């Protein structure tokens, strides 16, 4: 029963990257990470999109 909801490695990476991006975004909004430039958020979002596209292309094969 524990393996019923097992995600593929690409999906796990995407989920972890999305969670990390949201955490950085929220913490930056609360000014705890205000020293980070805005480009960091954009690079994390771009990384999420890249992983999503690669994961989607691999699942089509």
C-alpha atoms as a PDB file:
ATOM      1  CA  UNK A   1       0.000   0.000   0.000  1.00  0.00           C
ATOM      2  CA  UNK A   2       2.922   2.360   0.586  1.00  0.00           C
ATOM      3  CA  UNK A   3       4.033   2.116  -3.073  1.00  0.00           C
ATOM      4  CA  UNK A   4       0.574   2.984  -4.355  1.00  0.00           C
ATOM      5  CA  UNK A   5       1.319   6.690  -4.705  1.00  0.00           C
ATOM      6  CA  UNK A   6       4.990   6.424  -5.664  1.00  0.00           C
ATOM      7  CA  UNK A   7       6.118   9.232  -7.978  1.00  0.00           C
ATOM      8  CA  UNK A   8       8.726   8.948 -10.708  1.00  0.00           C
ATOM      9  CA  UNK A   9      12.105  10.564 -10.113  1.00  0.00           C
ATOM     10  CA  UNK A  10      11.366  13.450 -12.480  1.00  0.00           C
ATOM     11  CA  UNK A  11       8.079  14.151 -10.740  1.00  0.00           C
ATOM     12  CA  UNK A  12       9.757  14.064  -7.338  1.00  0.00           C
ATOM     13  CA  UNK A  13      12.375  16.533  -8.560  1.00  0.00           C
ATOM     14  CA  UNK A  14       9.685  18.829  -9.958  1.00  0.00           C
ATOM     15  CA  UNK A  15       7.666  18.703  -6.745  1.00  0.00           C
ATOM     16  CA  UNK A  16      10.743  19.429  -4.622  1.00  0.00           C
ATOM     17  CA  UNK A  17      11.761  22.311  -6.878  1.00  0.00           C
ATOM     18  CA  UNK A  18       8.265  23.817  -6.779  1.00  0.00           C
ATOM     19  CA  UNK A  19       8.183  23.562  -2.964  1.00  0.00           C
ATOM     20  CA  UNK A  20      11.630  25.156  -2.694  1.00  0.00           C
ATOM     21  CA  UNK A  21      10.632  27.958  -5.061  1.00  0.00           C
ATOM     22  CA  UNK A  22       7.457  28.678  -3.104  1.00  0.00           C
ATOM     23  CA  UNK A  23       9.367  28.656   0.186  1.00  0.00           C
ATOM     24  CA  UNK A  24      11.940  31.129  -1.151  1.00  0.00           C
ATOM     25  CA  UNK A  25       9.174  33.313  -2.583  1.00  0.00           C
ATOM     26  CA  UNK A  26       7.231  33.396   0.700  1.00  0.00           C
ATOM     27  CA  UNK A  27      10.329  33.988   2.818  1.00  0.00           C
ATOM     28  CA  UNK A  28      11.443  36.776   0.499  1.00  0.00           C
ATOM     29  CA  UNK A  29       7.962  38.304   0.747  1.00  0.00           C
ATOM     30  CA  UNK A  30       8.221  38.215   4.533  1.00  0.00           C
ATOM     31  CA  UNK A  31      11.588  40.023   4.180  1.00  0.00           C
ATOM     32  CA  UNK A  32      13.501  37.134   5.773  1.00  0.00           C
ATOM     33  CA  UNK A  33      15.362  36.600   2.505  1.00  0.00           C
ATOM     34  CA  UNK A  34      15.153  40.175   1.288  1.00  0.00           C
ATOM     35  CA  UNK A  35      18.858  40.189   0.404  1.00  0.00           C
ATOM     36  CA  UNK A  36      18.170  37.839  -2.535  1.00  0.00           C
ATOM     37  CA  UNK A  37      17.747  39.609  -5.846  1.00  0.00           C
ATOM     38  CA  UNK A  38      14.542  39.077  -7.802  1.00  0.00           C
ATOM     39  CA  UNK A  39      16.386  37.208 -10.539  1.00  0.00           C
ATOM     40  CA  UNK A  40      16.754  34.270  -8.132  1.00  0.00           C
ATOM     41  CA  UNK A  41      12.972  33.797  -8.085  1.00  0.00           C
ATOM     42  CA  UNK A  42      12.822  34.001 -11.872  1.00  0.00           C
ATOM     43  CA  UNK A  43      15.634  31.461 -12.236  1.00  0.00           C
ATOM     44  CA  UNK A  44      13.836  29.061  -9.895  1.00  0.00           C
ATOM     45  CA  UNK A  45      10.600  29.463 -11.859  1.00  0.00           C
ATOM     46  CA  UNK A  46      12.520  28.889 -15.096  1.00  0.00           C
ATOM     47  CA  UNK A  47      14.091  25.766 -13.581  1.00  0.00           C
ATOM     48  CA  UNK A  48      10.607  24.506 -12.637  1.00  0.00           C
ATOM     49  CA  UNK A  49       9.366  25.039 -16.173  1.00  0.00           C
ATOM     50  CA  UNK A  50      12.433  23.349 -17.646  1.00  0.00           C
ATOM     51  CA  UNK A  51      12.069  20.293 -15.415  1.00  0.00           C
ATOM     52  CA  UNK A  52       8.350  20.161 -16.252  1.00  0.00           C
ATOM     53  CA  UNK A  53       8.988  20.211 -20.006  1.00  0.00           C
ATOM     54  CA  UNK A  54      11.730  17.585 -19.785  1.00  0.00           C
ATOM     55  CA  UNK A  55       9.569  15.401 -17.563  1.00  0.00           C
ATOM     56  CA  UNK A  56       6.630  15.733 -19.970  1.00  0.00           C
ATOM     57  CA  UNK A  57       8.756  14.871 -22.987  1.00  0.00           C
ATOM     58  CA  UNK A  58      10.156  11.797 -21.255  1.00  0.00           C
ATOM     59  CA  UNK A  59       6.705  10.569 -20.281  1.00  0.00           C
ATOM     60  CA  UNK A  60       5.525  10.818 -23.912  1.00  0.00           C
ATOM     61  CA  UNK A  61       8.127   8.290 -25.053  1.00  0.00           C
END
